[in-house]
Amino acid sequence: MSAEPREGAGWSLRPLRQFPDDRGAVLHMLRATDPHFEAFGEIYFSTIRQGVVKAWHMHRSKTVNLAVPIGEVAVVLWHPDADPQELRLGRETYGLLTIRPGVWYGFRGIGAGESLIANCATEPFDPAEGDDLPPDTDRIPYRWEAA
């Protein structure tokens, strides 16, 4: 991953540090002292299998912070004021993707086997706070690659 942060409509991607040694590695994600830290609501992990698409989701009030410490994931982001953006997250492109309210996003597993997604959200889960659409919706101008 480039050492420079990237930004788009309602999202930002910051490089993260890794500290590997012969025993394994420590991978940073988010600290309360980071200038971009907003709040802590919950942290959870999800997995996605290679070739599987999980889409679309949008939050109305919470910000999510994502990192992929194991495997590789294509993340597509769409805000009504911008074209869809596809980013890759994984060990080779290790970074913190911050997605603000109002941005639709989805994932496709591209790493072999299962990939692990860490999500640190600014609010605890509330099913009434977000919206979902199916991967093949016509409301978002993006078509997922066939598996």
N, C-alpha and C. Protein backbone atom coordinates (compact mmCIF):
# COMPACT_ATOMS: atom_id res chain seq x y z
N MET A 1 0.84 -1.17 0.00
CA MET A 1 0.00 0.00 0.00
C MET A 1 0.89 1.23 0.00
N SER A 2 0.45 2.25 -0.69
CA SER A 2 1.14 3.52 -0.70
C SER A 2 1.22 4.06 0.72
N ALA A 3 2.29 4.78 1.01
CA ALA A 3 2.45 5.37 2.34
C ALA A 3 1.57 6.61 2.52
N GLU A 4 0.90 7.03 1.47
CA GLU A 4 0.05 8.22 1.51
C GLU A 4 -1.40 7.84 1.74
N PRO A 5 -2.10 8.57 2.61
CA PRO A 5 -3.53 8.34 2.77
C PRO A 5 -4.28 8.69 1.48
N ARG A 6 -5.45 8.08 1.30
CA ARG A 6 -6.31 8.36 0.16
C ARG A 6 -7.69 8.71 0.69
N GLU A 7 -8.41 9.54 -0.06
CA GLU A 7 -9.75 9.93 0.36
C GLU A 7 -10.68 9.99 -0.83
N GLY A 8 -11.96 9.76 -0.55
CA GLY A 8 -13.01 9.88 -1.55
C GLY A 8 -14.25 10.43 -0.88
N ALA A 9 -15.36 10.38 -1.58
CA ALA A 9 -16.63 10.90 -1.04
C ALA A 9 -17.08 10.03 0.13
N GLY A 10 -16.85 10.50 1.35
CA GLY A 10 -17.31 9.80 2.54
C GLY A 10 -16.42 8.67 3.03
N TRP A 11 -15.19 8.56 2.53
CA TRP A 11 -14.30 7.50 2.99
C TRP A 11 -12.86 8.00 2.97
N SER A 12 -12.02 7.30 3.74
CA SER A 12 -10.58 7.55 3.72
C SER A 12 -9.86 6.23 3.97
N LEU A 13 -8.65 6.13 3.42
CA LEU A 13 -7.82 4.93 3.59
C LEU A 13 -6.44 5.38 4.04
N ARG A 14 -6.04 4.88 5.22
CA ARG A 14 -4.75 5.23 5.80
C ARG A 14 -3.88 3.99 5.91
N PRO A 15 -2.61 4.10 5.55
CA PRO A 15 -1.72 2.95 5.74
C PRO A 15 -1.57 2.64 7.23
N LEU A 16 -1.42 1.36 7.53
CA LEU A 16 -1.22 0.92 8.91
C LEU A 16 0.13 0.23 9.05
N ARG A 17 0.65 0.26 10.27
CA ARG A 17 1.96 -0.34 10.53
C ARG A 17 1.82 -1.81 10.87
N GLN A 18 2.82 -2.57 10.42
CA GLN A 18 2.95 -3.98 10.76
C GLN A 18 4.33 -4.17 11.37
N PHE A 19 4.40 -5.04 12.38
CA PHE A 19 5.66 -5.33 13.04
C PHE A 19 5.90 -6.84 12.99
N PRO A 20 6.43 -7.34 11.87
CA PRO A 20 6.67 -8.78 11.76
C PRO A 20 8.01 -9.18 12.38
N ASP A 21 8.06 -10.40 12.89
CA ASP A 21 9.32 -11.00 13.27
C ASP A 21 9.19 -12.51 13.05
N ASP A 22 10.17 -13.27 13.49
CA ASP A 22 10.15 -14.71 13.20
C ASP A 22 9.06 -15.46 13.96
N ARG A 23 8.38 -14.82 14.90
CA ARG A 23 7.30 -15.46 15.65
C ARG A 23 5.92 -15.18 15.08
N GLY A 24 5.81 -14.16 14.23
CA GLY A 24 4.52 -13.73 13.69
C GLY A 24 4.56 -12.22 13.49
N ALA A 25 3.45 -11.54 13.75
CA ALA A 25 3.41 -10.10 13.53
C ALA A 25 2.39 -9.43 14.44
N VAL A 26 2.63 -8.16 14.72
CA VAL A 26 1.66 -7.29 15.36
C VAL A 26 1.19 -6.33 14.27
N LEU A 27 -0.12 -6.18 14.14
CA LEU A 27 -0.69 -5.30 13.13
C LEU A 27 -1.54 -4.25 13.82
N HIS A 28 -1.16 -3.00 13.68
CA HIS A 28 -1.96 -1.92 14.28
C HIS A 28 -3.26 -1.75 13.51
N MET A 29 -4.30 -1.22 14.20
CA MET A 29 -5.56 -0.91 13.53
C MET A 29 -6.03 0.50 13.88
N LEU A 30 -6.32 0.76 15.17
CA LEU A 30 -6.88 2.05 15.56
C LEU A 30 -6.58 2.29 17.03
N ARG A 31 -6.15 3.50 17.34
CA ARG A 31 -5.85 3.88 18.71
C ARG A 31 -6.68 5.10 19.09
N ALA A 32 -7.05 5.20 20.35
CA ALA A 32 -7.83 6.35 20.82
C ALA A 32 -7.05 7.65 20.66
N THR A 33 -5.73 7.58 20.54
CA THR A 33 -4.91 8.78 20.38
C THR A 33 -4.70 9.18 18.91
N ASP A 34 -5.21 8.38 17.97
CA ASP A 34 -5.11 8.74 16.55
C ASP A 34 -5.95 9.98 16.27
N PRO A 35 -5.47 10.91 15.45
CA PRO A 35 -6.26 12.12 15.17
C PRO A 35 -7.59 11.83 14.46
N HIS A 36 -7.69 10.70 13.78
CA HIS A 36 -8.92 10.34 13.06
C HIS A 36 -9.86 9.47 13.91
N PHE A 37 -9.49 9.15 15.15
CA PHE A 37 -10.37 8.37 16.02
C PHE A 37 -11.58 9.22 16.41
N GLU A 38 -12.79 8.65 16.29
CA GLU A 38 -14.01 9.37 16.64
C GLU A 38 -14.61 8.89 17.95
N ALA A 39 -14.93 7.59 18.02
CA ALA A 39 -15.59 7.02 19.20
C ALA A 39 -15.50 5.51 19.10
N PHE A 40 -15.75 4.86 20.24
CA PHE A 40 -15.80 3.40 20.25
C PHE A 40 -17.21 2.96 20.58
N GLY A 41 -17.80 2.17 19.70
CA GLY A 41 -19.11 1.57 19.94
C GLY A 41 -19.00 0.08 20.11
N GLU A 42 -18.29 -0.57 19.17
CA GLU A 42 -18.05 -2.01 19.25
C GLU A 42 -16.99 -2.38 18.23
N ILE A 43 -16.40 -3.54 18.45
CA ILE A 43 -15.51 -4.13 17.47
C ILE A 43 -15.96 -5.55 17.24
N TYR A 44 -15.97 -5.93 15.98
CA TYR A 44 -16.29 -7.32 15.67
C TYR A 44 -15.50 -7.76 14.45
N PHE A 45 -15.48 -9.06 14.23
CA PHE A 45 -14.76 -9.66 13.12
C PHE A 45 -15.74 -10.46 12.28
N SER A 46 -15.55 -10.41 10.98
CA SER A 46 -16.35 -11.26 10.10
C SER A 46 -15.39 -11.90 9.10
N THR A 47 -15.83 -12.99 8.52
CA THR A 47 -15.03 -13.65 7.49
C THR A 47 -15.82 -13.66 6.19
N ILE A 48 -15.07 -13.78 5.11
CA ILE A 48 -15.68 -13.90 3.79
C ILE A 48 -14.85 -14.89 2.98
N ARG A 49 -15.53 -15.78 2.32
CA ARG A 49 -14.85 -16.80 1.51
C ARG A 49 -14.51 -16.25 0.13
N GLN A 50 -13.48 -16.83 -0.46
CA GLN A 50 -13.04 -16.42 -1.79
C GLN A 50 -14.20 -16.52 -2.79
N GLY A 51 -14.39 -15.45 -3.56
CA GLY A 51 -15.43 -15.42 -4.58
C GLY A 51 -16.81 -15.00 -4.09
N VAL A 52 -17.01 -14.90 -2.78
CA VAL A 52 -18.31 -14.54 -2.22
C VAL A 52 -18.44 -13.02 -2.15
N VAL A 53 -19.65 -12.53 -2.42
CA VAL A 53 -19.94 -11.10 -2.32
C VAL A 53 -20.89 -10.89 -1.15
N LYS A 54 -20.56 -9.93 -0.30
CA LYS A 54 -21.45 -9.46 0.77
C LYS A 54 -21.71 -7.99 0.48
N ALA A 55 -22.91 -7.69 0.03
CA ALA A 55 -23.24 -6.30 -0.34
C ALA A 55 -24.75 -6.16 -0.36
N TRP A 56 -25.17 -5.01 -0.34
CA TRP A 56 -24.70 -3.68 -0.05
C TRP A 56 -25.20 -3.28 1.33
N HIS A 57 -24.41 -2.41 2.02
CA HIS A 57 -24.82 -1.93 3.34
C HIS A 57 -24.47 -0.45 3.44
N MET A 58 -25.30 0.30 4.19
CA MET A 58 -25.06 1.72 4.41
C MET A 58 -25.55 2.06 5.82
N HIS A 59 -24.74 2.84 6.54
CA HIS A 59 -25.12 3.30 7.87
C HIS A 59 -25.59 4.74 7.80
N ARG A 60 -26.59 5.06 8.62
CA ARG A 60 -27.12 6.42 8.65
C ARG A 60 -26.42 7.31 9.67
N SER A 61 -25.88 6.72 10.75
CA SER A 61 -25.26 7.56 11.78
C SER A 61 -23.87 7.09 12.21
N LYS A 62 -23.53 5.86 12.03
CA LYS A 62 -22.24 5.41 12.54
C LYS A 62 -21.18 5.36 11.45
N THR A 63 -19.95 5.52 11.91
CA THR A 63 -18.77 5.38 11.07
C THR A 63 -18.16 4.01 11.35
N VAL A 64 -17.71 3.33 10.31
CA VAL A 64 -17.03 2.05 10.50
C VAL A 64 -15.57 2.20 10.06
N ASN A 65 -14.70 1.48 10.76
CA ASN A 65 -13.27 1.45 10.48
C ASN A 65 -12.89 0.01 10.23
N LEU A 66 -12.42 -0.28 9.02
CA LEU A 66 -12.16 -1.66 8.61
C LEU A 66 -10.68 -1.89 8.34
N ALA A 67 -10.23 -3.10 8.67
CA ALA A 67 -8.89 -3.56 8.30
C ALA A 67 -9.00 -5.05 8.01
N VAL A 68 -8.14 -5.55 7.13
CA VAL A 68 -8.13 -6.97 6.76
C VAL A 68 -6.74 -7.52 7.08
N PRO A 69 -6.58 -8.11 8.29
CA PRO A 69 -5.28 -8.63 8.69
C PRO A 69 -4.94 -9.99 8.09
N ILE A 70 -5.95 -10.73 7.63
CA ILE A 70 -5.72 -12.06 7.06
C ILE A 70 -6.51 -12.18 5.77
N GLY A 71 -5.83 -12.54 4.69
CA GLY A 71 -6.48 -12.70 3.39
C GLY A 71 -6.48 -11.41 2.60
N GLU A 72 -7.43 -11.33 1.65
CA GLU A 72 -7.55 -10.14 0.81
C GLU A 72 -9.00 -9.97 0.40
N VAL A 73 -9.45 -8.72 0.43
CA VAL A 73 -10.84 -8.39 0.15
C VAL A 73 -10.89 -7.19 -0.80
N ALA A 74 -11.79 -7.25 -1.78
CA ALA A 74 -12.10 -6.08 -2.59
C ALA A 74 -13.28 -5.39 -1.93
N VAL A 75 -13.14 -4.10 -1.64
CA VAL A 75 -14.21 -3.32 -1.04
C VAL A 75 -14.64 -2.29 -2.08
N VAL A 76 -15.95 -2.22 -2.32
CA VAL A 76 -16.48 -1.22 -3.24
C VAL A 76 -17.29 -0.23 -2.42
N LEU A 77 -17.03 1.05 -2.66
CA LEU A 77 -17.68 2.14 -1.95
C LEU A 77 -18.45 2.99 -2.96
N TRP A 78 -19.65 3.39 -2.58
CA TRP A 78 -20.42 4.26 -3.47
C TRP A 78 -21.18 5.29 -2.68
N HIS A 79 -20.97 6.53 -3.04
CA HIS A 79 -21.72 7.67 -2.51
C HIS A 79 -22.45 8.30 -3.69
N PRO A 80 -23.70 8.70 -3.51
CA PRO A 80 -24.46 9.25 -4.64
C PRO A 80 -23.79 10.44 -5.35
N ASP A 81 -22.83 11.11 -4.69
CA ASP A 81 -22.15 12.25 -5.30
C ASP A 81 -20.87 11.86 -6.03
N ALA A 82 -20.57 10.57 -6.15
CA ALA A 82 -19.30 10.16 -6.76
C ALA A 82 -19.45 8.81 -7.47
N ASP A 83 -18.48 8.49 -8.30
CA ASP A 83 -18.45 7.18 -8.95
C ASP A 83 -18.06 6.11 -7.94
N PRO A 84 -18.44 4.86 -8.18
CA PRO A 84 -18.00 3.78 -7.27
C PRO A 84 -16.47 3.67 -7.26
N GLN A 85 -15.93 3.34 -6.10
CA GLN A 85 -14.50 3.15 -5.93
C GLN A 85 -14.25 1.74 -5.42
N GLU A 86 -13.30 1.05 -6.04
CA GLU A 86 -12.91 -0.28 -5.57
C GLU A 86 -11.53 -0.20 -4.97
N LEU A 87 -11.40 -0.72 -3.75
CA LEU A 87 -10.13 -0.75 -3.03
C LEU A 87 -9.84 -2.19 -2.63
N ARG A 88 -8.57 -2.52 -2.50
CA ARG A 88 -8.18 -3.84 -2.01
C ARG A 88 -7.54 -3.68 -0.64
N LEU A 89 -8.00 -4.51 0.28
CA LEU A 89 -7.45 -4.53 1.63
C LEU A 89 -6.92 -5.91 1.93
N GLY A 90 -5.78 -5.98 2.58
CA GLY A 90 -5.18 -7.25 2.98
C GLY A 90 -3.80 -7.00 3.55
N ARG A 91 -3.03 -8.05 3.78
CA ARG A 91 -1.70 -7.90 4.38
C ARG A 91 -0.76 -7.11 3.48
N GLU A 92 -0.84 -7.31 2.17
CA GLU A 92 0.04 -6.59 1.26
C GLU A 92 -0.39 -5.14 1.08
N THR A 93 -1.64 -4.86 1.35
CA THR A 93 -2.21 -3.51 1.21
C THR A 93 -2.86 -3.13 2.54
N TYR A 94 -2.13 -3.32 3.63
CA TYR A 94 -2.70 -3.17 4.95
C TYR A 94 -2.98 -1.71 5.28
N GLY A 95 -4.24 -1.41 5.55
CA GLY A 95 -4.62 -0.05 5.87
C GLY A 95 -5.94 -0.02 6.62
N LEU A 96 -6.26 1.16 7.12
CA LEU A 96 -7.51 1.40 7.82
C LEU A 96 -8.45 2.14 6.89
N LEU A 97 -9.56 1.50 6.55
CA LEU A 97 -10.57 2.11 5.70
C LEU A 97 -11.68 2.65 6.61
N THR A 98 -11.87 3.95 6.59
CA THR A 98 -12.91 4.60 7.38
C THR A 98 -14.06 4.94 6.43
N ILE A 99 -15.26 4.44 6.76
CA ILE A 99 -16.44 4.67 5.94
C ILE A 99 -17.44 5.45 6.77
N ARG A 100 -17.76 6.63 6.30
CA ARG A 100 -18.66 7.52 7.03
C ARG A 100 -20.12 7.23 6.69
N PRO A 101 -21.06 7.73 7.50
CA PRO A 101 -22.48 7.53 7.23
C PRO A 101 -22.86 8.02 5.82
N GLY A 102 -23.81 7.30 5.21
CA GLY A 102 -24.30 7.68 3.89
C GLY A 102 -23.57 7.05 2.73
N VAL A 103 -22.52 6.27 3.00
CA VAL A 103 -21.75 5.60 1.94
C VAL A 103 -22.16 4.14 1.88
N TRP A 104 -22.55 3.68 0.70
CA TRP A 104 -22.85 2.26 0.49
C TRP A 104 -21.55 1.51 0.29
N TYR A 105 -21.46 0.29 0.86
CA TYR A 105 -20.25 -0.50 0.68
C TYR A 105 -20.59 -1.99 0.63
N GLY A 106 -19.68 -2.72 0.01
CA GLY A 106 -19.80 -4.17 -0.07
C GLY A 106 -18.42 -4.78 -0.22
N PHE A 107 -18.35 -6.11 -0.03
CA PHE A 107 -17.08 -6.84 -0.08
C PHE A 107 -17.16 -8.00 -1.05
N ARG A 108 -16.02 -8.35 -1.60
CA ARG A 108 -15.86 -9.60 -2.34
C ARG A 108 -14.56 -10.23 -1.84
N GLY A 109 -14.66 -11.50 -1.41
CA GLY A 109 -13.47 -12.21 -0.97
C GLY A 109 -12.59 -12.54 -2.17
N ILE A 110 -11.34 -12.09 -2.15
CA ILE A 110 -10.44 -12.40 -3.27
C ILE A 110 -9.20 -13.17 -2.81
N GLY A 111 -9.02 -13.29 -1.50
CA GLY A 111 -7.91 -14.09 -0.99
C GLY A 111 -8.29 -15.56 -0.97
N ALA A 112 -7.30 -16.43 -1.05
CA ALA A 112 -7.56 -17.87 -1.01
C ALA A 112 -8.18 -18.25 0.33
N GLY A 113 -9.17 -19.12 0.29
CA GLY A 113 -9.83 -19.57 1.52
C GLY A 113 -10.72 -18.49 2.09
N GLU A 114 -10.56 -18.22 3.41
CA GLU A 114 -11.34 -17.18 4.08
C GLU A 114 -10.46 -15.98 4.41
N SER A 115 -11.03 -14.80 4.28
CA SER A 115 -10.36 -13.57 4.70
C SER A 115 -11.07 -13.06 5.95
N LEU A 116 -10.31 -12.37 6.80
CA LEU A 116 -10.82 -11.85 8.05
C LEU A 116 -10.93 -10.33 7.98
N ILE A 117 -12.12 -9.80 8.28
CA ILE A 117 -12.36 -8.36 8.29
C ILE A 117 -12.58 -7.94 9.74
N ALA A 118 -11.78 -6.97 10.21
CA ALA A 118 -11.98 -6.38 11.53
C ALA A 118 -12.73 -5.08 11.35
N ASN A 119 -13.78 -4.87 12.17
CA ASN A 119 -14.61 -3.68 12.07
C ASN A 119 -14.70 -3.03 13.44
N CYS A 120 -14.20 -1.80 13.56
CA CYS A 120 -14.34 -1.02 14.78
C CYS A 120 -15.31 0.11 14.46
N ALA A 121 -16.51 0.01 14.99
CA ALA A 121 -17.58 0.97 14.68
C ALA A 121 -17.73 1.98 15.81
N THR A 122 -18.23 3.16 15.47
CA THR A 122 -18.39 4.23 16.46
C THR A 122 -19.64 4.06 17.31
N GLU A 123 -20.54 3.14 16.93
CA GLU A 123 -21.77 2.88 17.69
C GLU A 123 -22.00 1.37 17.75
N PRO A 124 -22.63 0.88 18.81
CA PRO A 124 -22.99 -0.53 18.86
C PRO A 124 -24.02 -0.87 17.76
N PHE A 125 -24.11 -2.14 17.43
CA PHE A 125 -25.04 -2.60 16.39
C PHE A 125 -26.48 -2.24 16.75
N ASP A 126 -27.18 -1.72 15.77
CA ASP A 126 -28.61 -1.43 15.87
C ASP A 126 -29.20 -1.72 14.49
N PRO A 127 -30.05 -2.75 14.36
CA PRO A 127 -30.55 -3.13 13.03
C PRO A 127 -31.36 -2.01 12.35
N ALA A 128 -31.88 -1.06 13.11
CA ALA A 128 -32.67 0.02 12.52
C ALA A 128 -31.79 1.18 12.02
N GLU A 129 -30.49 1.13 12.30
CA GLU A 129 -29.60 2.24 11.97
C GLU A 129 -29.07 2.19 10.54
N GLY A 130 -29.12 1.04 9.89
CA GLY A 130 -28.55 0.90 8.56
C GLY A 130 -29.55 0.39 7.55
N ASP A 131 -29.13 0.39 6.29
CA ASP A 131 -29.95 -0.14 5.20
C ASP A 131 -29.14 -1.16 4.42
N ASP A 132 -29.84 -2.12 3.83
CA ASP A 132 -29.22 -3.15 3.01
C ASP A 132 -29.88 -3.19 1.64
N LEU A 133 -29.09 -3.55 0.65
CA LEU A 133 -29.58 -3.81 -0.71
C LEU A 133 -28.90 -5.08 -1.20
N PRO A 134 -29.51 -5.80 -2.14
CA PRO A 134 -28.87 -6.99 -2.68
C PRO A 134 -27.69 -6.63 -3.59
N PRO A 135 -26.75 -7.56 -3.78
CA PRO A 135 -25.57 -7.26 -4.61
C PRO A 135 -25.91 -6.82 -6.03
N ASP A 136 -27.01 -7.29 -6.58
CA ASP A 136 -27.35 -6.99 -7.97
C ASP A 136 -28.35 -5.84 -8.12
N THR A 137 -28.47 -4.98 -7.12
CA THR A 137 -29.41 -3.87 -7.18
C THR A 137 -29.09 -2.93 -8.35
N ASP A 138 -30.12 -2.34 -8.93
CA ASP A 138 -29.94 -1.33 -9.96
C ASP A 138 -29.74 0.07 -9.37
N ARG A 139 -29.88 0.21 -8.05
CA ARG A 139 -29.73 1.52 -7.41
C ARG A 139 -28.26 1.95 -7.30
N ILE A 140 -27.34 1.01 -7.39
CA ILE A 140 -25.92 1.32 -7.29
C ILE A 140 -25.27 0.98 -8.62
N PRO A 141 -24.55 1.95 -9.22
CA PRO A 141 -23.96 1.73 -10.56
C PRO A 141 -22.66 0.93 -10.51
N TYR A 142 -22.76 -0.31 -10.05
CA TYR A 142 -21.60 -1.19 -9.98
C TYR A 142 -22.08 -2.62 -10.15
N ARG A 143 -21.36 -3.41 -10.92
CA ARG A 143 -21.66 -4.84 -11.10
C ARG A 143 -20.50 -5.66 -10.57
N TRP A 144 -20.82 -6.57 -9.66
CA TRP A 144 -19.79 -7.43 -9.08
C TRP A 144 -19.32 -8.42 -10.11
N GLU A 145 -18.03 -8.68 -10.09
CA GLU A 145 -17.41 -9.67 -10.97
C GLU A 145 -17.96 -11.05 -10.65
N ALA A 146 -18.28 -11.83 -11.68
CA ALA A 146 -18.77 -13.18 -11.45
C ALA A 146 -17.69 -14.04 -10.82
N ALA A 147 -18.09 -14.88 -9.88
CA ALA A 147 -17.12 -15.74 -9.18
C ALA A 147 -16.64 -16.87 -10.07
